[in-house]
Amino acid sequence: MNFAAIIHEPKSSFSYAYSKDKLHIRIKTAKNDVDNVELLAVDPFNWIPRNDGSGVYDFDIDSVYKIKMVKEQITRDHDCWFAEISDIKWKRIKYCFIIENKDEKYILGSHYRLPYTKDKSKLYDLFNYFNYPYINEEDLYIAPDWVSNTIWYQIFPKSFYGGNTSIEGNLIGIIENLITLMKLGLMESI
């Protein structure tokens, strides 16, 4: 397995709050290198007391979300995997990945990777889990209403129109073509 090609960054475009109760998680692996990716996600403070009166708490393994990630995109070098954690009852999450191909299976966390094992002390080692500390509603992106009816165009001055050829990449070429852009319906009147 090509571990050097694996890409994941917590609290980034690879791990973000989609809504107040949904997280989107992505990971990239080398193209055609991994057959399955599973996401394990849990509330890091979900500990339950033992029934023996000892006052000892154990991590609630039954509360772990196990989500099969889907390959949503293939690029020249990577397979891109996606999972949505929805209906989150808690606002904080720790997570890791189980990655496998036909020959190997690993637990991939924030600090290290290790061969897959059902040993609960290794599989549920929260120290090695990535951390999404808290879903804050003020951090959620909410697009303004007008965005849904907007068509966006991007112009690169250098390649759109040269204009004054003595200057490399300039706005003069765009200014000289404002009438053409209006006729194409790409902008309002000036």
Protein backbone atom coordinates (compact mmCIF):
# COMPACT_ATOMS: atom_id res chain seq x y z
CA MET A 1 0.00 0.00 0.00
CA ASN A 2 1.37 3.41 -0.98
CA PHE A 3 1.10 5.40 2.25
CA ALA A 4 3.03 8.34 0.80
CA ALA A 5 0.08 9.04 -1.53
CA ILE A 6 -2.56 9.15 1.21
CA ILE A 7 -3.89 12.66 1.84
CA HIS A 8 -6.20 13.77 4.64
CA GLU A 9 -6.27 17.01 6.61
CA PRO A 10 -8.65 17.51 9.54
CA LYS A 11 -10.65 20.77 9.67
CA SER A 12 -10.12 21.49 5.98
CA SER A 13 -11.80 20.70 2.67
CA PHE A 14 -11.21 17.06 3.69
CA SER A 15 -13.15 17.38 6.96
CA TYR A 16 -15.77 20.07 7.45
CA ALA A 17 -19.19 20.73 8.94
CA TYR A 18 -21.79 20.61 6.18
CA SER A 19 -24.65 21.50 8.51
CA LYS A 20 -25.29 21.66 12.24
CA ASP A 21 -25.58 17.86 12.40
CA LYS A 22 -23.54 16.62 9.41
CA LEU A 23 -19.82 16.29 8.76
CA HIS A 24 -18.25 15.57 5.40
CA ILE A 25 -15.04 13.54 5.47
CA ARG A 26 -12.73 12.88 2.52
CA ILE A 27 -9.46 11.03 2.03
CA LYS A 28 -7.31 10.47 -1.06
CA THR A 29 -5.39 7.28 -1.74
CA ALA A 30 -3.10 6.32 -4.61
CA LYS A 31 -5.06 5.51 -7.76
CA ASN A 32 -6.16 1.85 -7.83
CA ASP A 33 -4.20 1.10 -4.64
CA VAL A 34 -7.04 0.74 -2.12
CA ASP A 35 -10.22 -1.33 -2.52
CA ASN A 36 -12.21 -0.20 0.55
CA VAL A 37 -12.16 2.59 3.08
CA GLU A 38 -14.25 2.56 6.24
CA LEU A 39 -14.64 5.53 8.55
CA LEU A 40 -14.91 4.98 12.30
CA ALA A 41 -16.34 8.03 14.10
CA VAL A 42 -17.35 8.55 17.70
CA ASP A 43 -18.07 11.04 20.46
CA PRO A 44 -14.76 11.11 22.38
CA PHE A 45 -16.59 11.65 25.69
CA ASN A 46 -18.95 8.71 25.34
CA TRP A 47 -17.92 6.63 28.34
CA ILE A 48 -20.31 4.43 30.31
CA PRO A 49 -20.02 3.15 33.89
CA ARG A 50 -19.45 -0.51 34.59
CA ASN A 51 -22.29 -2.35 36.26
CA ASP A 52 -20.03 -3.71 39.02
CA GLY A 53 -20.21 -0.65 41.26
CA SER A 54 -16.49 0.02 40.86
CA GLY A 55 -16.96 3.57 39.57
CA VAL A 56 -14.85 2.69 36.53
CA TYR A 57 -15.98 3.92 33.11
CA ASP A 58 -15.37 2.16 29.80
CA PHE A 59 -15.46 3.60 26.31
CA ASP A 60 -18.83 2.87 24.68
CA ILE A 61 -17.76 0.85 21.64
CA ASP A 62 -21.37 0.33 20.56
CA SER A 63 -21.70 4.07 19.86
CA VAL A 64 -19.00 4.07 17.15
CA TYR A 65 -20.31 4.96 13.69
CA LYS A 66 -18.92 2.61 11.03
CA ILE A 67 -19.44 4.15 7.63
CA LYS A 68 -18.31 2.67 4.32
CA MET A 69 -16.75 5.44 2.27
CA VAL A 70 -17.58 5.76 -1.43
CA LYS A 71 -15.11 6.48 -4.19
CA GLU A 72 -16.51 9.75 -5.48
CA GLN A 73 -13.77 10.76 -7.88
CA ILE A 74 -10.72 9.42 -9.69
CA THR A 75 -7.91 11.72 -10.76
CA ARG A 76 -4.71 10.98 -12.63
CA ASP A 77 -2.92 10.06 -9.38
CA HIS A 78 -5.58 9.53 -6.70
CA ASP A 79 -8.84 7.86 -5.75
CA CYS A 80 -10.96 10.27 -3.70
CA TRP A 81 -13.17 8.76 -0.99
CA PHE A 82 -16.15 10.42 0.73
CA ALA A 83 -18.41 9.79 3.71
CA GLU A 84 -21.08 11.81 5.42
CA ILE A 85 -21.62 11.50 9.14
CA SER A 86 -25.23 12.54 9.60
CA ASP A 87 -27.70 12.91 12.46
CA ILE A 88 -24.86 13.64 14.85
CA LYS A 89 -26.23 13.74 18.37
CA TRP A 90 -23.03 15.29 19.70
CA LYS A 91 -21.18 18.26 18.25
CA ARG A 92 -17.67 16.80 18.59
CA ILE A 93 -16.14 13.85 16.78
CA LYS A 94 -13.02 11.76 16.68
CA TYR A 95 -12.45 9.50 13.68
CA CYS A 96 -10.01 7.20 11.93
CA PHE A 97 -9.92 5.19 8.71
CA ILE A 98 -9.75 1.47 8.00
CA ILE A 99 -8.10 1.13 4.59
CA GLU A 100 -7.65 -2.14 2.73
CA ASN A 101 -6.72 -3.73 -0.53
CA LYS A 102 -6.58 -7.40 -1.48
CA ASP A 103 -3.30 -7.91 0.41
CA GLU A 104 -3.32 -5.50 3.34
CA LYS A 105 -5.61 -3.83 5.87
CA TYR A 106 -4.62 -0.92 8.13
CA ILE A 107 -5.97 1.37 10.79
CA LEU A 108 -4.96 4.89 9.74
CA GLY A 109 -5.09 7.59 12.38
CA SER A 110 -3.67 11.01 13.07
CA HIS A 111 -0.42 9.79 14.64
CA TYR A 112 0.33 6.39 13.16
CA ARG A 113 -0.91 3.50 11.06
CA LEU A 114 -0.93 -0.08 12.17
CA PRO A 115 -2.03 -3.40 10.71
CA TYR A 116 -5.74 -3.93 11.28
CA THR A 117 -6.62 -5.80 14.42
CA LYS A 118 -9.82 -6.48 16.33
CA ASP A 119 -7.91 -5.73 19.53
CA LYS A 120 -10.17 -3.05 21.02
CA SER A 121 -7.30 -1.23 22.71
CA LYS A 122 -5.72 -0.58 19.30
CA LEU A 123 -8.86 -0.26 17.16
CA TYR A 124 -10.46 2.25 19.52
CA ASP A 125 -7.31 4.12 20.60
CA LEU A 126 -8.75 7.65 20.59
CA PHE A 127 -5.26 9.14 20.94
CA ASN A 128 -4.68 8.06 17.33
CA TYR A 129 -8.02 9.38 16.03
CA PHE A 130 -8.34 12.60 14.06
CA ASN A 131 -10.26 15.27 15.93
CA TYR A 132 -13.13 17.48 14.82
CA PRO A 133 -13.38 19.46 18.06
CA TYR A 134 -16.84 21.00 17.76
CA ILE A 135 -19.44 21.94 15.17
CA ASN A 136 -20.06 25.65 15.72
CA GLU A 137 -23.08 26.97 13.87
CA GLU A 138 -21.29 30.29 13.24
CA ASP A 139 -18.62 28.36 11.29
CA LEU A 140 -21.16 26.92 8.84
CA TYR A 141 -21.18 28.42 5.38
CA ILE A 142 -24.60 29.63 4.33
CA ALA A 143 -24.74 30.94 0.78
CA PRO A 144 -26.89 34.04 0.18
CA ASP A 145 -30.15 33.38 -1.69
CA TRP A 146 -28.97 35.18 -4.83
CA VAL A 147 -26.13 32.69 -5.34
CA SER A 148 -28.44 29.89 -6.51
CA ASN A 149 -29.59 31.97 -9.52
CA THR A 150 -26.15 33.29 -10.47
CA ILE A 151 -24.00 32.15 -13.35
CA TRP A 152 -20.30 32.61 -12.63
CA TYR A 153 -17.65 33.25 -15.26
CA GLN A 154 -13.94 33.45 -14.68
CA ILE A 155 -11.68 35.41 -17.03
CA PHE A 156 -7.90 35.11 -17.10
CA PRO A 157 -6.66 38.43 -18.49
CA LYS A 158 -3.44 36.97 -19.89
CA SER A 159 -5.24 34.40 -22.05
CA PHE A 160 -8.59 36.17 -22.64
CA TYR A 161 -7.32 38.97 -24.81
CA GLY A 162 -3.87 40.46 -24.98
CA GLY A 163 -4.79 44.13 -25.38
CA ASN A 164 -1.57 46.09 -25.07
CA THR A 165 0.94 43.40 -26.07
CA SER A 166 3.85 45.27 -24.48
CA ILE A 167 2.35 44.42 -21.07
CA GLU A 168 1.99 40.73 -20.17
CA GLY A 169 -1.44 39.93 -18.68
CA ASN A 170 -3.51 43.07 -18.27
CA LEU A 171 -7.03 44.35 -17.87
CA ILE A 172 -6.83 46.52 -20.97
CA GLY A 173 -7.82 43.57 -23.18
CA ILE A 174 -10.92 42.95 -21.06
CA ILE A 175 -11.86 46.66 -21.08
CA GLU A 176 -11.49 46.72 -24.87
CA ASN A 177 -13.94 43.78 -25.10
CA LEU A 178 -16.68 44.89 -22.67
CA ILE A 179 -19.16 45.36 -25.53
CA THR A 180 -18.45 41.79 -26.76
CA LEU A 181 -18.97 40.39 -23.26
CA MET A 182 -22.31 42.23 -22.97
CA LYS A 183 -23.47 40.86 -26.34
CA LEU A 184 -22.66 37.34 -25.16
CA GLY A 185 -24.81 37.94 -22.08
CA LEU A 186 -21.84 37.50 -19.78
CA MET A 187 -22.35 40.81 -18.02
CA GLU A 188 -24.91 43.52 -17.39
CA SER A 189 -24.71 46.82 -19.23
CA ILE A 190 -21.94 49.20 -18.22
